[in-house]
């Protein structure tokens, strides 16, 4: 929560230090040993995109722009 507040994130961020949430992800979606990883979920709750490693806002523009 402190990180979210400090960096003024405009999206939800989950902290999963023990990998509990990550274990429920589809196999091969992200490397759970590599942090950070980003998962974009659409309005229907489906995984729309994923990326391992830091992601800049500009890199996400195509994913987040409605079709």
N, C-alpha and C. Protein backbone atom coordinates (compact mmCIF):
# COMPACT_ATOMS: atom_id res chain seq x y z
N UNK A 1 0.82 -1.19 0.00
CA UNK A 1 0.00 0.00 0.00
C UNK A 1 0.87 1.26 0.00
N UNK A 2 1.97 1.22 0.73
CA UNK A 2 2.86 2.37 0.75
C UNK A 2 3.44 2.64 -0.63
N UNK A 3 3.83 1.56 -1.35
CA UNK A 3 4.36 1.71 -2.71
C UNK A 3 3.31 2.33 -3.62
N UNK A 4 2.08 1.81 -3.54
CA UNK A 4 1.00 2.34 -4.38
C UNK A 4 0.78 3.82 -4.10
N UNK A 5 0.75 4.19 -2.84
CA UNK A 5 0.52 5.58 -2.47
C UNK A 5 1.69 6.46 -2.92
N UNK A 6 2.92 6.01 -2.65
CA UNK A 6 4.11 6.79 -3.00
C UNK A 6 4.19 7.06 -4.49
N UNK A 7 3.86 6.05 -5.30
CA UNK A 7 3.99 6.17 -6.76
C UNK A 7 2.67 6.55 -7.44
N UNK A 8 1.65 6.80 -6.62
CA UNK A 8 0.34 7.23 -7.13
C UNK A 8 -0.18 6.35 -8.25
N UNK A 9 -0.16 5.05 -8.02
CA UNK A 9 -0.65 4.11 -9.03
C UNK A 9 -2.13 4.33 -9.25
N UNK A 10 -2.53 4.35 -10.51
CA UNK A 10 -3.93 4.54 -10.88
C UNK A 10 -4.63 3.23 -11.17
N UNK A 11 -4.06 2.14 -10.68
CA UNK A 11 -4.62 0.82 -10.92
C UNK A 11 -4.35 -0.05 -9.70
N UNK A 12 -5.13 -1.10 -9.52
CA UNK A 12 -4.91 -1.98 -8.37
C UNK A 12 -3.59 -2.75 -8.52
N UNK A 13 -2.93 -2.94 -7.42
CA UNK A 13 -1.68 -3.69 -7.40
C UNK A 13 -1.76 -4.69 -6.25
N UNK A 14 -1.38 -5.92 -6.51
CA UNK A 14 -1.42 -6.95 -5.48
C UNK A 14 -0.02 -7.33 -5.06
N UNK A 15 0.20 -7.48 -3.78
CA UNK A 15 1.48 -7.93 -3.24
C UNK A 15 1.30 -9.38 -2.86
N UNK A 16 2.11 -10.25 -3.45
CA UNK A 16 1.99 -11.70 -3.27
C UNK A 16 3.34 -12.29 -2.88
N UNK A 17 3.88 -11.91 -1.71
CA UNK A 17 5.24 -12.31 -1.35
C UNK A 17 5.46 -13.81 -1.24
N UNK A 18 4.42 -14.58 -0.98
CA UNK A 18 4.58 -16.03 -0.82
C UNK A 18 4.08 -16.80 -2.04
N UNK A 19 3.67 -16.08 -3.08
CA UNK A 19 3.26 -16.75 -4.32
C UNK A 19 1.92 -17.45 -4.25
N UNK A 20 1.12 -17.15 -3.26
CA UNK A 20 -0.19 -17.80 -3.14
C UNK A 20 -1.11 -17.46 -4.31
N UNK A 21 -1.18 -16.18 -4.67
CA UNK A 21 -2.03 -15.78 -5.79
C UNK A 21 -1.45 -16.27 -7.11
N UNK A 22 -0.15 -16.20 -7.24
CA UNK A 22 0.51 -16.62 -8.47
C UNK A 22 0.29 -18.08 -8.80
N UNK A 23 0.18 -18.91 -7.79
CA UNK A 23 -0.04 -20.34 -8.03
C UNK A 23 -1.38 -20.63 -8.71
N UNK A 24 -2.31 -19.71 -8.59
CA UNK A 24 -3.61 -19.89 -9.22
C UNK A 24 -3.67 -19.42 -10.66
N UNK A 25 -2.57 -18.84 -11.15
CA UNK A 25 -2.54 -18.37 -12.54
C UNK A 25 -2.34 -19.53 -13.50
N UNK A 26 -2.78 -19.37 -14.75
CA UNK A 26 -2.55 -20.42 -15.75
C UNK A 26 -1.05 -20.71 -15.88
N UNK A 27 -0.71 -21.98 -15.97
CA UNK A 27 0.68 -22.41 -16.07
C UNK A 27 1.36 -21.76 -17.27
N UNK A 28 2.55 -21.19 -17.04
CA UNK A 28 3.33 -20.58 -18.10
C UNK A 28 2.98 -19.13 -18.40
N UNK A 29 1.99 -18.57 -17.71
CA UNK A 29 1.60 -17.19 -17.98
C UNK A 29 2.73 -16.22 -17.64
N UNK A 30 3.30 -16.38 -16.46
CA UNK A 30 4.44 -15.57 -16.03
C UNK A 30 5.41 -16.47 -15.28
N UNK A 31 6.65 -16.03 -15.20
CA UNK A 31 7.65 -16.73 -14.40
C UNK A 31 7.53 -16.20 -12.98
N UNK A 32 7.02 -17.01 -12.07
CA UNK A 32 6.77 -16.58 -10.71
C UNK A 32 8.06 -16.30 -9.94
N UNK A 33 9.19 -16.72 -10.48
CA UNK A 33 10.48 -16.44 -9.85
C UNK A 33 11.00 -15.06 -10.24
N UNK A 34 10.42 -14.48 -11.28
CA UNK A 34 10.86 -13.17 -11.78
C UNK A 34 9.87 -12.10 -11.33
N UNK A 35 10.38 -11.10 -10.66
CA UNK A 35 9.52 -10.01 -10.20
C UNK A 35 10.04 -8.70 -10.76
N UNK A 36 9.22 -7.78 -11.05
CA UNK A 36 7.77 -7.87 -10.95
C UNK A 36 7.18 -8.54 -12.19
N UNK A 37 5.92 -8.87 -12.10
CA UNK A 37 5.19 -9.28 -13.28
C UNK A 37 3.86 -8.56 -13.29
N UNK A 38 3.36 -8.31 -14.49
CA UNK A 38 2.14 -7.53 -14.68
C UNK A 38 1.12 -8.39 -15.41
N UNK A 39 -0.09 -8.36 -14.92
CA UNK A 39 -1.20 -9.05 -15.57
C UNK A 39 -2.31 -8.03 -15.76
N UNK A 40 -2.81 -7.91 -16.98
CA UNK A 40 -3.91 -7.01 -17.28
C UNK A 40 -5.18 -7.86 -17.38
N UNK A 41 -6.19 -7.46 -16.63
CA UNK A 41 -7.46 -8.20 -16.60
C UNK A 41 -8.53 -7.32 -17.22
N UNK A 42 -9.33 -7.89 -18.14
CA UNK A 42 -10.37 -7.09 -18.79
C UNK A 42 -11.60 -6.97 -17.88
N UNK A 43 -12.58 -6.24 -18.34
CA UNK A 43 -13.77 -6.00 -17.53
C UNK A 43 -14.56 -7.26 -17.21
N UNK A 44 -14.38 -8.29 -18.00
CA UNK A 44 -15.06 -9.56 -17.75
C UNK A 44 -14.25 -10.47 -16.83
N UNK A 45 -13.10 -9.98 -16.35
CA UNK A 45 -12.27 -10.77 -15.45
C UNK A 45 -11.34 -11.73 -16.15
N UNK A 46 -11.19 -11.60 -17.46
CA UNK A 46 -10.30 -12.48 -18.22
C UNK A 46 -8.91 -11.85 -18.33
N UNK A 47 -7.89 -12.68 -18.37
CA UNK A 47 -6.53 -12.19 -18.55
C UNK A 47 -6.37 -11.73 -19.99
N UNK A 48 -6.07 -10.43 -20.15
CA UNK A 48 -5.94 -9.85 -21.49
C UNK A 48 -4.49 -9.77 -21.94
N UNK A 49 -3.55 -9.66 -20.99
CA UNK A 49 -2.13 -9.55 -21.33
C UNK A 49 -1.31 -9.84 -20.08
N UNK A 50 -0.05 -10.20 -20.31
CA UNK A 50 0.87 -10.39 -19.18
C UNK A 50 2.28 -10.04 -19.62
N UNK A 51 3.09 -9.68 -18.64
CA UNK A 51 4.48 -9.31 -18.93
C UNK A 51 5.32 -9.53 -17.69
N UNK A 52 6.49 -10.07 -17.86
CA UNK A 52 7.43 -10.24 -16.76
C UNK A 52 8.44 -9.10 -16.85
N UNK A 53 8.76 -8.51 -15.71
CA UNK A 53 9.70 -7.41 -15.65
C UNK A 53 9.00 -6.08 -15.55
N UNK A 54 9.76 -5.02 -15.35
CA UNK A 54 9.17 -3.68 -15.24
C UNK A 54 8.45 -3.29 -16.52
N UNK A 55 7.38 -2.55 -16.39
CA UNK A 55 6.60 -2.11 -17.54
C UNK A 55 6.38 -0.60 -17.42
N UNK A 56 6.76 0.12 -18.46
CA UNK A 56 6.52 1.56 -18.50
C UNK A 56 5.10 1.83 -18.98
N UNK A 57 4.56 2.96 -18.58
CA UNK A 57 3.20 3.31 -18.97
C UNK A 57 3.02 3.31 -20.48
N UNK A 58 4.00 3.83 -21.21
CA UNK A 58 3.92 3.89 -22.68
C UNK A 58 3.82 2.49 -23.29
N UNK A 59 4.46 1.50 -22.66
CA UNK A 59 4.41 0.13 -23.17
C UNK A 59 3.03 -0.48 -23.03
N UNK A 60 2.25 0.01 -22.09
CA UNK A 60 0.93 -0.54 -21.84
C UNK A 60 -0.17 0.15 -22.64
N UNK A 61 0.16 1.24 -23.31
CA UNK A 61 -0.85 2.03 -24.02
C UNK A 61 -1.67 1.19 -25.00
N UNK A 62 -1.03 0.33 -25.78
CA UNK A 62 -1.74 -0.48 -26.76
C UNK A 62 -2.67 -1.47 -26.09
N UNK A 63 -2.25 -2.00 -24.97
CA UNK A 63 -3.05 -2.99 -24.26
C UNK A 63 -4.26 -2.33 -23.60
N UNK A 64 -4.07 -1.13 -23.09
CA UNK A 64 -5.11 -0.46 -22.32
C UNK A 64 -6.05 0.39 -23.15
N UNK A 65 -5.70 0.63 -24.42
CA UNK A 65 -6.57 1.43 -25.29
C UNK A 65 -7.71 0.56 -25.81
N UNK A 66 -8.96 0.98 -25.58
CA UNK A 66 -10.09 0.19 -26.07
C UNK A 66 -10.06 0.04 -27.59
N UNK A 67 -10.51 -1.11 -28.06
CA UNK A 67 -10.57 -1.37 -29.51
C UNK A 67 -11.74 -0.67 -30.13
